[in-house]
Amino acid sequence: MTKAACTVWRWVRPRACAWGARRAWLGVGITLAVALLLAACSPKLPLSDYGDRFPVAKPFELTRAGGRVEADFELSARSDGTWPDMVLIGFRTGGPKGRPDMKLGDADYINHLALPLKVQLWRIDGAQRIPVTLLEQRLGRASDDTYPFDQNTSHVFTRHGGMSIDAATLKAQGRFNMDLAYRNSEIAIISPALPGRYHLEVESLQDHPQIRHLDFELLVGYFHYK
């Protein structure tokens, strides 16, 4: 390399390096901006928080045999000081208004076919887990039945029906998306709903490929008196 060429190179090199560094930082800035833009434009999850605070709403692979979900929560008095006499355990599926995600026959499948689930609940007392016997709606109950429930000691629940859950407490905990339409189904009932900490385990006992395109969530909340 000639002396003149060396002189030119000594002048160009630091400026080229500086421009390369600026280009690198510019690339990082563009990448971050794109990532933030994509995050802002991404569809929101049905729930903003899947923690175990009460009321509970957690993703549940109900359509797969062996799909499991666990939840830890604490029961206490309502915000108005009243005490609930029953707490409902169930599931829900959520989707856009009008439910275009549901195919023909999905509603009948969910409403009328058996969806066997293993449901176990324990009340936590120090280091002990005390099993809790859950209730389920009585099959063929009379319209004037004042207590239409049976104890279920097998832990296997095959009956489910409409779930009259208190949506206000779900909204208060950020677990009810006003932009979605939900279908709720009741599985079991905690009654009496004694104060304290609880551990819940639910397992699906059967595959349901017909409704695998739907998302389901475990739901635990106060009974809503109409």
C-alpha atoms as a PDB file:
ATOM      1  CA  MET A   1       0.000   0.000   0.000  1.00  0.00           C
ATOM      2  CA  THR A   2       1.411   3.410  -0.970  1.00  0.00           C
ATOM      3  CA  LYS A   3       1.954   6.223   1.514  1.00  0.00           C
ATOM      4  CA  ALA A   4      -0.958   8.155   0.039  1.00  0.00           C
ATOM      5  CA  ALA A   5      -3.201   5.132   0.304  1.00  0.00           C
ATOM      6  CA  CYS A   6      -2.183   4.623   3.934  1.00  0.00           C
ATOM      7  CA  THR A   7      -3.005   8.226   4.705  1.00  0.00           C
ATOM      8  CA  VAL A   8      -6.459   7.865   3.145  1.00  0.00           C
ATOM      9  CA  TRP A   9      -7.071   4.581   5.015  1.00  0.00           C
ATOM     10  CA  ARG A  10      -6.113   6.149   8.367  1.00  0.00           C
ATOM     11  CA  TRP A  11      -8.701   8.876   7.704  1.00  0.00           C
ATOM     12  CA  VAL A  12     -11.470   6.541   6.459  1.00  0.00           C
ATOM     13  CA  ARG A  13     -11.117   3.656   8.943  1.00  0.00           C
ATOM     14  CA  PRO A  14     -12.273   5.357  12.212  1.00  0.00           C
ATOM     15  CA  ARG A  15     -15.165   6.994  10.398  1.00  0.00           C
ATOM     16  CA  ALA A  16     -16.215   3.689   8.868  1.00  0.00           C
ATOM     17  CA  CYS A  17     -16.041   2.010  12.268  1.00  0.00           C
ATOM     18  CA  ALA A  18     -18.092   4.783  13.831  1.00  0.00           C
ATOM     19  CA  TRP A  19     -20.703   4.495  11.067  1.00  0.00           C
ATOM     20  CA  GLY A  20     -20.778   0.706  11.546  1.00  0.00           C
ATOM     21  CA  ALA A  21     -21.400   1.147  15.276  1.00  0.00           C
ATOM     22  CA  ARG A  22     -24.180   3.642  14.597  1.00  0.00           C
ATOM     23  CA  ARG A  23     -25.738   1.214  12.120  1.00  0.00           C
ATOM     24  CA  ALA A  24     -25.568  -1.571  14.699  1.00  0.00           C
ATOM     25  CA  TRP A  25     -27.291   0.560  17.358  1.00  0.00           C
ATOM     26  CA  LEU A  26     -29.838   1.704  14.776  1.00  0.00           C
ATOM     27  CA  GLY A  27     -30.597  -1.945  13.998  1.00  0.00           C
ATOM     28  CA  VAL A  28     -31.090  -2.716  17.689  1.00  0.00           C
ATOM     29  CA  GLY A  29     -33.426   0.265  18.053  1.00  0.00           C
ATOM     30  CA  ILE A  30     -35.504  -0.791  15.050  1.00  0.00           C
ATOM     31  CA  THR A  31     -35.722  -4.370  16.376  1.00  0.00           C
ATOM     32  CA  LEU A  32     -36.934  -3.178  19.777  1.00  0.00           C
ATOM     33  CA  ALA A  33     -39.471  -0.825  18.204  1.00  0.00           C
ATOM     34  CA  VAL A  34     -40.867  -3.612  16.017  1.00  0.00           C
ATOM     35  CA  ALA A  35     -41.072  -5.979  19.002  1.00  0.00           C
ATOM     36  CA  LEU A  36     -42.966  -3.416  21.069  1.00  0.00           C
ATOM     37  CA  LEU A  37     -45.318  -2.701  18.156  1.00  0.00           C
ATOM     38  CA  LEU A  38     -46.051  -6.401  17.669  1.00  0.00           C
ATOM     39  CA  ALA A  39     -46.683  -6.849  21.396  1.00  0.00           C
ATOM     40  CA  ALA A  40     -49.129  -3.947  21.381  1.00  0.00           C
ATOM     41  CA  CYS A  41     -50.967  -5.330  18.357  1.00  0.00           C
ATOM     42  CA  SER A  42     -51.067  -8.966  19.534  1.00  0.00           C
ATOM     43  CA  PRO A  43     -54.492 -10.288  20.602  1.00  0.00           C
ATOM     44  CA  LYS A  44     -55.083 -10.212  24.334  1.00  0.00           C
ATOM     45  CA  LEU A  45     -55.378 -13.415  26.324  1.00  0.00           C
ATOM     46  CA  PRO A  46     -58.890 -14.261  27.573  1.00  0.00           C
ATOM     47  CA  LEU A  47     -57.655 -13.649  31.116  1.00  0.00           C
ATOM     48  CA  SER A  48     -55.105 -11.114  32.321  1.00  0.00           C
ATOM     49  CA  ASP A  49     -53.943 -13.187  35.267  1.00  0.00           C
ATOM     50  CA  TYR A  50     -53.823 -16.953  35.737  1.00  0.00           C
ATOM     51  CA  GLY A  51     -52.744 -16.831  39.369  1.00  0.00           C
ATOM     52  CA  ASP A  52     -54.492 -18.788  42.103  1.00  0.00           C
ATOM     53  CA  ARG A  53     -56.356 -15.932  43.766  1.00  0.00           C
ATOM     54  CA  PHE A  54     -60.043 -16.531  44.331  1.00  0.00           C
ATOM     55  CA  PRO A  55     -62.110 -16.673  42.192  1.00  0.00           C
ATOM     56  CA  VAL A  56     -59.999 -19.075  40.147  1.00  0.00           C
ATOM     57  CA  ALA A  57     -59.718 -19.206  36.353  1.00  0.00           C
ATOM     58  CA  LYS A  58     -56.922 -21.322  34.859  1.00  0.00           C
ATOM     59  CA  PRO A  59     -56.296 -22.984  31.476  1.00  0.00           C
ATOM     60  CA  PHE A  60     -57.462 -26.611  31.434  1.00  0.00           C
ATOM     61  CA  GLU A  61     -56.879 -29.297  28.768  1.00  0.00           C
ATOM     62  CA  LEU A  62     -60.352 -30.703  29.194  1.00  0.00           C
ATOM     63  CA  THR A  63     -60.385 -32.198  25.692  1.00  0.00           C
ATOM     64  CA  ARG A  64     -57.376 -34.472  26.345  1.00  0.00           C
ATOM     65  CA  ALA A  65     -57.516 -37.593  28.530  1.00  0.00           C
ATOM     66  CA  GLY A  66     -55.019 -36.967  31.311  1.00  0.00           C
ATOM     67  CA  GLY A  67     -55.241 -33.191  31.008  1.00  0.00           C
ATOM     68  CA  ARG A  68     -54.773 -31.800  34.527  1.00  0.00           C
ATOM     69  CA  VAL A  69     -55.039 -28.519  36.341  1.00  0.00           C
ATOM     70  CA  GLU A  70     -54.343 -27.635  39.980  1.00  0.00           C
ATOM     71  CA  ALA A  71     -55.330 -24.563  41.953  1.00  0.00           C
ATOM     72  CA  ASP A  72     -54.630 -23.212  45.434  1.00  0.00           C
ATOM     73  CA  PHE A  73     -57.018 -20.608  46.789  1.00  0.00           C
ATOM     74  CA  GLU A  74     -58.411 -19.179  49.990  1.00  0.00           C
ATOM     75  CA  LEU A  75     -62.064 -18.722  50.897  1.00  0.00           C
ATOM     76  CA  SER A  76     -63.091 -15.780  53.019  1.00  0.00           C
ATOM     77  CA  ALA A  77     -66.060 -13.488  53.492  1.00  0.00           C
ATOM     78  CA  ARG A  78     -67.271 -11.422  50.549  1.00  0.00           C
ATOM     79  CA  SER A  79     -66.321  -7.762  50.252  1.00  0.00           C
ATOM     80  CA  ASP A  80     -69.718  -6.837  51.768  1.00  0.00           C
ATOM     81  CA  GLY A  81     -69.025  -9.018  54.812  1.00  0.00           C
ATOM     82  CA  THR A  82     -71.522 -11.768  53.930  1.00  0.00           C
ATOM     83  CA  TRP A  83     -70.478 -15.396  53.878  1.00  0.00           C
ATOM     84  CA  PRO A  84     -71.256 -17.655  50.882  1.00  0.00           C
ATOM     85  CA  ASP A  85     -73.031 -20.923  51.638  1.00  0.00           C
ATOM     86  CA  MET A  86     -71.703 -22.557  48.470  1.00  0.00           C
ATOM     87  CA  VAL A  87     -68.864 -22.212  45.991  1.00  0.00           C
ATOM     88  CA  LEU A  88     -69.048 -23.646  42.471  1.00  0.00           C
ATOM     89  CA  ILE A  89     -66.409 -25.638  40.591  1.00  0.00           C
ATOM     90  CA  GLY A  90     -66.773 -25.821  36.838  1.00  0.00           C
ATOM     91  CA  PHE A  91     -65.280 -24.928  33.498  1.00  0.00           C
ATOM     92  CA  ARG A  92     -65.845 -22.387  30.773  1.00  0.00           C
ATOM     93  CA  THR A  93     -64.957 -21.819  27.148  1.00  0.00           C
ATOM     94  CA  GLY A  94     -64.531 -18.286  25.878  1.00  0.00           C
ATOM     95  CA  GLY A  95     -64.445 -16.842  22.387  1.00  0.00           C
ATOM     96  CA  PRO A  96     -65.425 -13.860  20.245  1.00  0.00           C
ATOM     97  CA  LYS A  97     -68.950 -12.478  20.507  1.00  0.00           C
ATOM     98  CA  GLY A  98     -71.319 -14.658  18.520  1.00  0.00           C
ATOM     99  CA  ARG A  99     -68.893 -17.580  18.987  1.00  0.00           C
ATOM    100  CA  PRO A 100     -67.708 -18.029  15.377  1.00  0.00           C
ATOM    101  CA  ASP A 101     -65.066 -20.370  16.860  1.00  0.00           C
ATOM    102  CA  MET A 102     -67.776 -22.921  17.697  1.00  0.00           C
ATOM    103  CA  LYS A 103     -68.722 -25.454  15.038  1.00  0.00           C
ATOM    104  CA  LEU A 104     -72.156 -26.905  14.440  1.00  0.00           C
ATOM    105  CA  GLY A 105     -72.857 -29.409  17.206  1.00  0.00           C
ATOM    106  CA  ASP A 106     -70.302 -28.048  19.699  1.00  0.00           C
ATOM    107  CA  ALA A 107     -72.937 -26.615  22.045  1.00  0.00           C
ATOM    108  CA  ASP A 108     -74.904 -29.877  22.095  1.00  0.00           C
ATOM    109  CA  TYR A 109     -71.726 -31.841  22.735  1.00  0.00           C
ATOM    110  CA  ILE A 110     -70.773 -29.665  25.712  1.00  0.00           C
ATOM    111  CA  ASN A 111     -74.290 -29.422  27.116  1.00  0.00           C
ATOM    112  CA  HIS A 112     -75.555 -32.972  26.739  1.00  0.00           C
ATOM    113  CA  LEU A 113     -72.694 -35.481  26.512  1.00  0.00           C
ATOM    114  CA  ALA A 114     -70.795 -36.837  29.499  1.00  0.00           C
ATOM    115  CA  LEU A 115     -67.436 -35.152  30.112  1.00  0.00           C
ATOM    116  CA  PRO A 116     -66.017 -37.367  32.897  1.00  0.00           C
ATOM    117  CA  LEU A 117     -63.675 -35.517  35.250  1.00  0.00           C
ATOM    118  CA  LYS A 118     -61.817 -36.534  38.387  1.00  0.00           C
ATOM    119  CA  VAL A 119     -62.220 -33.738  40.928  1.00  0.00           C
ATOM    120  CA  GLN A 120     -60.471 -33.752  44.317  1.00  0.00           C
ATOM    121  CA  LEU A 121     -60.438 -30.997  46.921  1.00  0.00           C
ATOM    122  CA  TRP A 122     -58.489 -30.686  50.158  1.00  0.00           C
ATOM    123  CA  ARG A 123     -58.702 -28.105  52.914  1.00  0.00           C
ATOM    124  CA  ILE A 124     -55.271 -27.104  54.182  1.00  0.00           C
ATOM    125  CA  ASP A 125     -54.821 -27.141  57.963  1.00  0.00           C
ATOM    126  CA  GLY A 126     -51.192 -26.451  58.796  1.00  0.00           C
ATOM    127  CA  ALA A 127     -49.196 -29.305  57.256  1.00  0.00           C
ATOM    128  CA  GLN A 128     -52.314 -31.459  56.825  1.00  0.00           C
ATOM    129  CA  ARG A 129     -54.548 -31.920  53.810  1.00  0.00           C
ATOM    130  CA  ILE A 130     -58.102 -32.745  54.841  1.00  0.00           C
ATOM    131  CA  PRO A 131     -60.220 -34.277  52.034  1.00  0.00           C
ATOM    132  CA  VAL A 132     -63.440 -32.407  51.277  1.00  0.00           C
ATOM    133  CA  THR A 133     -66.493 -34.284  49.981  1.00  0.00           C
ATOM    134  CA  LEU A 134     -68.016 -32.374  47.090  1.00  0.00           C
ATOM    135  CA  LEU A 135     -71.644 -32.191  46.017  1.00  0.00           C
ATOM    136  CA  GLU A 136     -73.213 -32.559  42.579  1.00  0.00           C
ATOM    137  CA  GLN A 137     -76.676 -31.822  41.280  1.00  0.00           C
ATOM    138  CA  ARG A 138     -79.118 -34.687  41.812  1.00  0.00           C
ATOM    139  CA  LEU A 139     -80.077 -36.593  38.701  1.00  0.00           C
ATOM    140  CA  GLY A 140     -83.816 -36.353  37.966  1.00  0.00           C
ATOM    141  CA  ARG A 141     -84.434 -33.967  40.852  1.00  0.00           C
ATOM    142  CA  ALA A 142     -87.981 -32.689  41.410  1.00  0.00           C
ATOM    143  CA  SER A 143     -88.747 -29.034  40.757  1.00  0.00           C
ATOM    144  CA  ASP A 144     -89.766 -28.542  44.415  1.00  0.00           C
ATOM    145  CA  ASP A 145     -86.624 -30.239  45.787  1.00  0.00           C
ATOM    146  CA  THR A 146     -85.260 -27.804  48.388  1.00  0.00           C
ATOM    147  CA  TYR A 147     -81.796 -29.403  48.430  1.00  0.00           C
ATOM    148  CA  PRO A 148     -81.237 -31.025  45.006  1.00  0.00           C
ATOM    149  CA  PHE A 149     -77.676 -32.215  45.656  1.00  0.00           C
ATOM    150  CA  ASP A 150     -75.928 -35.526  46.319  1.00  0.00           C
ATOM    151  CA  GLN A 151     -72.546 -36.190  47.885  1.00  0.00           C
ATOM    152  CA  ASN A 152     -69.974 -37.589  45.470  1.00  0.00           C
ATOM    153  CA  THR A 153     -67.425 -39.804  47.234  1.00  0.00           C
ATOM    154  CA  SER A 154     -65.987 -41.394  44.069  1.00  0.00           C
ATOM    155  CA  HIS A 155     -64.294 -38.149  42.908  1.00  0.00           C
ATOM    156  CA  VAL A 156     -65.516 -38.906  39.355  1.00  0.00           C
ATOM    157  CA  PHE A 157     -68.059 -36.415  38.017  1.00  0.00           C
ATOM    158  CA  THR A 158     -69.951 -37.049  34.797  1.00  0.00           C
ATOM    159  CA  ARG A 159     -72.876 -34.639  35.207  1.00  0.00           C
ATOM    160  CA  HIS A 160     -72.602 -30.978  34.396  1.00  0.00           C
ATOM    161  CA  GLY A 161     -75.070 -28.211  33.743  1.00  0.00           C
ATOM    162  CA  GLY A 162     -75.440 -24.465  33.566  1.00  0.00           C
ATOM    163  CA  MET A 163     -73.240 -22.554  36.008  1.00  0.00           C
ATOM    164  CA  SER A 164     -74.707 -19.541  37.806  1.00  0.00           C
ATOM    165  CA  ILE A 165     -71.416 -17.991  38.879  1.00  0.00           C
ATOM    166  CA  ASP A 166     -70.928 -14.511  40.318  1.00  0.00           C
ATOM    167  CA  ALA A 167     -69.358 -12.641  37.384  1.00  0.00           C
ATOM    168  CA  ALA A 168     -68.812  -9.462  39.430  1.00  0.00           C
ATOM    169  CA  THR A 169     -66.018 -11.053  41.483  1.00  0.00           C
ATOM    170  CA  LEU A 170     -64.409 -12.424  38.313  1.00  0.00           C
ATOM    171  CA  LYS A 171     -64.429  -8.936  36.793  1.00  0.00           C
ATOM    172  CA  ALA A 172     -62.974  -7.462  39.985  1.00  0.00           C
ATOM    173  CA  GLN A 173     -59.991  -9.825  39.721  1.00  0.00           C
ATOM    174  CA  GLY A 174     -59.471  -9.194  35.997  1.00  0.00           C
ATOM    175  CA  ARG A 175     -60.714 -12.643  35.051  1.00  0.00           C
ATOM    176  CA  PHE A 176     -63.647 -11.724  32.876  1.00  0.00           C
ATOM    177  CA  ASN A 177     -62.985 -10.231  29.452  1.00  0.00           C
ATOM    178  CA  MET A 178     -65.907  -8.035  28.397  1.00  0.00           C
ATOM    179  CA  ASP A 179     -64.951  -8.544  24.734  1.00  0.00           C
ATOM    180  CA  LEU A 180     -65.531 -12.305  24.944  1.00  0.00           C
ATOM    181  CA  ALA A 181     -68.597 -14.518  25.190  1.00  0.00           C
ATOM    182  CA  TYR A 182     -68.408 -17.353  27.714  1.00  0.00           C
ATOM    183  CA  ARG A 183     -70.206 -20.670  28.136  1.00  0.00           C
ATOM    184  CA  ASN A 184     -70.019 -21.825  31.768  1.00  0.00           C
ATOM    185  CA  SER A 185     -70.666 -25.359  33.032  1.00  0.00           C
ATOM    186  CA  GLU A 186     -70.954 -26.484  36.652  1.00  0.00           C
ATOM    187  CA  ILE A 187     -69.232 -29.696  37.775  1.00  0.00           C
ATOM    188  CA  ALA A 188     -69.234 -29.736  41.571  1.00  0.00           C
ATOM    189  CA  ILE A 189     -70.213 -27.688  44.612  1.00  0.00           C
ATOM    190  CA  ILE A 190     -68.339 -26.840  47.806  1.00  0.00           C
ATOM    191  CA  SER A 191     -70.881 -26.658  50.593  1.00  0.00           C
ATOM    192  CA  PRO A 192     -70.525 -25.648  53.322  1.00  0.00           C
ATOM    193  CA  ALA A 193     -67.867 -23.265  52.023  1.00  0.00           C
ATOM    194  CA  LEU A 194     -65.813 -23.039  55.202  1.00  0.00           C
ATOM    195  CA  PRO A 195     -63.140 -20.341  55.503  1.00  0.00           C
ATOM    196  CA  GLY A 196     -59.553 -21.384  54.903  1.00  0.00           C
ATOM    197  CA  ARG A 197     -57.035 -22.447  52.283  1.00  0.00           C
ATOM    198  CA  TYR A 198     -57.811 -25.144  49.716  1.00  0.00           C
ATOM    199  CA  HIS A 199     -56.009 -27.241  47.112  1.00  0.00           C
ATOM    200  CA  LEU A 200     -57.963 -28.442  44.072  1.00  0.00           C
ATOM    201  CA  GLU A 201     -56.996 -31.000  41.413  1.00  0.00           C
ATOM    202  CA  VAL A 202     -59.050 -31.705  38.289  1.00  0.00           C
ATOM    203  CA  GLU A 203     -58.225 -34.276  35.611  1.00  0.00           C
ATOM    204  CA  SER A 204     -59.971 -35.073  32.340  1.00  0.00           C
ATOM    205  CA  LEU A 205     -60.672 -38.803  31.988  1.00  0.00           C
ATOM    206  CA  GLN A 206     -61.603 -38.892  28.319  1.00  0.00           C
ATOM    207  CA  ASP A 207     -60.481 -37.540  24.947  1.00  0.00           C
ATOM    208  CA  HIS A 208     -62.849 -35.148  23.175  1.00  0.00           C
ATOM    209  CA  PRO A 209     -61.382 -34.570  19.687  1.00  0.00           C
ATOM    210  CA  GLN A 210     -64.717 -33.169  18.482  1.00  0.00           C
ATOM    211  CA  ILE A 211     -64.216 -29.992  20.544  1.00  0.00           C
ATOM    212  CA  ARG A 212     -60.420 -29.853  20.636  1.00  0.00           C
ATOM    213  CA  HIS A 213     -60.459 -26.570  18.683  1.00  0.00           C
ATOM    214  CA  LEU A 214     -61.990 -24.811  21.728  1.00  0.00           C
ATOM    215  CA  ASP A 215     -60.071 -23.431  24.709  1.00  0.00           C
ATOM    216  CA  PHE A 216     -61.272 -24.352  28.195  1.00  0.00           C
ATOM    217  CA  GLU A 217     -60.567 -22.981  31.664  1.00  0.00           C
ATOM    218  CA  LEU A 218     -61.139 -24.292  35.153  1.00  0.00           C
ATOM    219  CA  LEU A 219     -63.499 -21.982  37.012  1.00  0.00           C
ATOM    220  CA  VAL A 220     -64.072 -21.686  40.777  1.00  0.00           C
ATOM    221  CA  GLY A 221     -66.276 -18.921  42.160  1.00  0.00           C
ATOM    222  CA  TYR A 222     -69.204 -17.806  44.268  1.00  0.00           C
ATOM    223  CA  PHE A 223     -72.707 -18.934  43.435  1.00  0.00           C
ATOM    224  CA  HIS A 224     -74.748 -16.090  41.984  1.00  0.00           C
ATOM    225  CA  TYR A 225     -78.194 -15.720  43.494  1.00  0.00           C
ATOM    226  CA  LYS A 226     -80.591 -14.363  40.889  1.00  0.00           C
END
